[in-house]
Amino acid sequence: MDFLKDLWGFLSVRKKFWLLPLITVLLLFGALIIFTSGSAVAPFIYTLF
């Protein structure tokens, strides 16, 4: 949780709120790849990229 506090502090001090959607999309893609890597859905997910 310290990392998230530091990240939020950086975004608020530097007024870089436009990075927030980019970070969330990257985290969602990472979670999607991690959670579907061992399932039968994986070949269909990898064809999207």
N, C-alpha and C. Protein backbone atom coordinates (compact mmCIF):
# COMPACT_ATOMS: atom_id res chain seq x y z
N MET A 1 0.82 -1.20 0.00
CA MET A 1 0.00 0.00 0.00
C MET A 1 0.86 1.26 0.00
N ASP A 2 2.11 1.15 0.44
CA ASP A 2 2.99 2.31 0.42
C ASP A 2 3.24 2.79 -1.00
N PHE A 3 3.35 1.84 -1.91
CA PHE A 3 3.59 2.20 -3.31
C PHE A 3 2.41 3.00 -3.87
N LEU A 4 1.19 2.59 -3.53
CA LEU A 4 0.02 3.31 -4.02
C LEU A 4 -0.07 4.71 -3.44
N LYS A 5 0.31 4.87 -2.16
CA LYS A 5 0.33 6.20 -1.56
C LYS A 5 1.36 7.09 -2.25
N ASP A 6 2.53 6.53 -2.52
CA ASP A 6 3.57 7.29 -3.20
C ASP A 6 3.15 7.66 -4.62
N LEU A 7 2.53 6.73 -5.30
CA LEU A 7 2.06 7.00 -6.66
C LEU A 7 1.01 8.10 -6.66
N TRP A 8 0.06 8.02 -5.73
CA TRP A 8 -0.98 9.05 -5.66
C TRP A 8 -0.36 10.41 -5.29
N GLY A 9 0.62 10.41 -4.39
CA GLY A 9 1.30 11.65 -4.05
C GLY A 9 2.02 12.25 -5.24
N PHE A 10 2.67 11.41 -6.03
CA PHE A 10 3.35 11.89 -7.24
C PHE A 10 2.36 12.49 -8.22
N LEU A 11 1.23 11.77 -8.43
CA LEU A 11 0.25 12.25 -9.40
C LEU A 11 -0.39 13.57 -8.94
N SER A 12 -0.64 13.71 -7.66
CA SER A 12 -1.31 14.92 -7.19
C SER A 12 -0.36 16.12 -7.12
N VAL A 13 0.90 15.89 -6.74
CA VAL A 13 1.84 17.01 -6.65
C VAL A 13 2.24 17.49 -8.04
N ARG A 14 2.50 16.56 -8.94
CA ARG A 14 2.96 16.94 -10.28
C ARG A 14 1.81 17.22 -11.26
N LYS A 15 0.56 17.05 -10.81
CA LYS A 15 -0.64 17.28 -11.64
C LYS A 15 -0.61 16.41 -12.90
N LYS A 16 -0.25 15.16 -12.72
CA LYS A 16 -0.17 14.20 -13.83
C LYS A 16 -1.36 13.23 -13.77
N PHE A 17 -2.55 13.75 -13.61
CA PHE A 17 -3.72 12.89 -13.49
C PHE A 17 -4.05 12.17 -14.80
N TRP A 18 -3.49 12.62 -15.89
CA TRP A 18 -3.73 11.94 -17.17
C TRP A 18 -3.05 10.58 -17.21
N LEU A 19 -2.10 10.32 -16.31
CA LEU A 19 -1.44 9.02 -16.25
C LEU A 19 -2.30 7.95 -15.59
N LEU A 20 -3.28 8.37 -14.80
CA LEU A 20 -4.09 7.42 -14.04
C LEU A 20 -4.85 6.44 -14.94
N PRO A 21 -5.52 6.87 -16.01
CA PRO A 21 -6.17 5.88 -16.88
C PRO A 21 -5.18 4.93 -17.56
N LEU A 22 -4.02 5.43 -17.91
CA LEU A 22 -3.00 4.59 -18.53
C LEU A 22 -2.51 3.51 -17.57
N ILE A 23 -2.29 3.88 -16.34
CA ILE A 23 -1.84 2.93 -15.33
C ILE A 23 -2.90 1.87 -15.06
N THR A 24 -4.17 2.28 -14.97
CA THR A 24 -5.23 1.31 -14.70
C THR A 24 -5.41 0.35 -15.87
N VAL A 25 -5.31 0.83 -17.09
CA VAL A 25 -5.44 -0.06 -18.25
C VAL A 25 -4.30 -1.07 -18.29
N LEU A 26 -3.10 -0.61 -18.00
CA LEU A 26 -1.96 -1.54 -17.97
C LEU A 26 -2.12 -2.58 -16.87
N LEU A 27 -2.61 -2.17 -15.71
CA LEU A 27 -2.85 -3.13 -14.63
C LEU A 27 -3.94 -4.13 -15.00
N LEU A 28 -4.99 -3.67 -15.66
CA LEU A 28 -6.06 -4.58 -16.08
C LEU A 28 -5.58 -5.59 -17.11
N PHE A 29 -4.77 -5.14 -18.07
CA PHE A 29 -4.23 -6.07 -19.06
C PHE A 29 -3.30 -7.09 -18.40
N GLY A 30 -2.50 -6.63 -17.46
CA GLY A 30 -1.61 -7.55 -16.74
C GLY A 30 -2.39 -8.58 -15.95
N ALA A 31 -3.44 -8.14 -15.27
CA ALA A 31 -4.27 -9.07 -14.50
C ALA A 31 -4.99 -10.05 -15.43
N LEU A 32 -5.45 -9.57 -16.57
CA LEU A 32 -6.12 -10.44 -17.53
C LEU A 32 -5.18 -11.53 -18.03
N ILE A 33 -3.97 -11.17 -18.34
CA ILE A 33 -3.00 -12.16 -18.83
C ILE A 33 -2.61 -13.14 -17.73
N ILE A 34 -2.44 -12.65 -16.52
CA ILE A 34 -2.06 -13.54 -15.41
C ILE A 34 -3.18 -14.52 -15.07
N PHE A 35 -4.40 -14.03 -14.99
CA PHE A 35 -5.51 -14.89 -14.55
C PHE A 35 -5.99 -15.86 -15.63
N THR A 36 -5.74 -15.56 -16.91
CA THR A 36 -6.21 -16.45 -17.96
C THR A 36 -5.08 -17.30 -18.55
N SER A 37 -3.90 -17.22 -18.00
CA SER A 37 -2.78 -17.96 -18.60
C SER A 37 -2.93 -19.47 -18.44
N GLY A 38 -3.60 -19.92 -17.40
CA GLY A 38 -3.73 -21.35 -17.19
C GLY A 38 -5.09 -21.90 -17.56
N SER A 39 -5.91 -21.13 -18.20
CA SER A 39 -7.26 -21.59 -18.49
C SER A 39 -7.44 -21.88 -19.98
N ALA A 40 -8.61 -22.37 -20.32
CA ALA A 40 -8.91 -22.68 -21.72
C ALA A 40 -9.23 -21.42 -22.53
N VAL A 41 -9.38 -20.29 -21.85
CA VAL A 41 -9.69 -19.03 -22.53
C VAL A 41 -8.43 -18.39 -23.09
N ALA A 42 -7.26 -18.81 -22.63
CA ALA A 42 -6.00 -18.18 -23.00
C ALA A 42 -5.77 -18.08 -24.51
N PRO A 43 -6.02 -19.12 -25.31
CA PRO A 43 -5.78 -18.95 -26.75
C PRO A 43 -6.65 -17.87 -27.39
N PHE A 44 -7.84 -17.67 -26.86
CA PHE A 44 -8.71 -16.64 -27.41
C PHE A 44 -8.27 -15.24 -26.99
N ILE A 45 -7.73 -15.12 -25.79
CA ILE A 45 -7.23 -13.82 -25.32
C ILE A 45 -5.99 -13.43 -26.11
N TYR A 46 -5.09 -14.37 -26.36
CA TYR A 46 -3.86 -14.04 -27.05
C TYR A 46 -4.10 -13.71 -28.53
N THR A 47 -5.19 -14.13 -29.11
CA THR A 47 -5.47 -13.76 -30.49
C THR A 47 -5.89 -12.30 -30.60
N LEU A 48 -6.33 -11.70 -29.50
CA LEU A 48 -6.71 -10.29 -29.52
C LEU A 48 -5.48 -9.39 -29.66
N PHE A 49 -4.34 -9.88 -29.21
CA PHE A 49 -3.13 -9.07 -29.24
C PHE A 49 -2.23 -9.55 -30.34
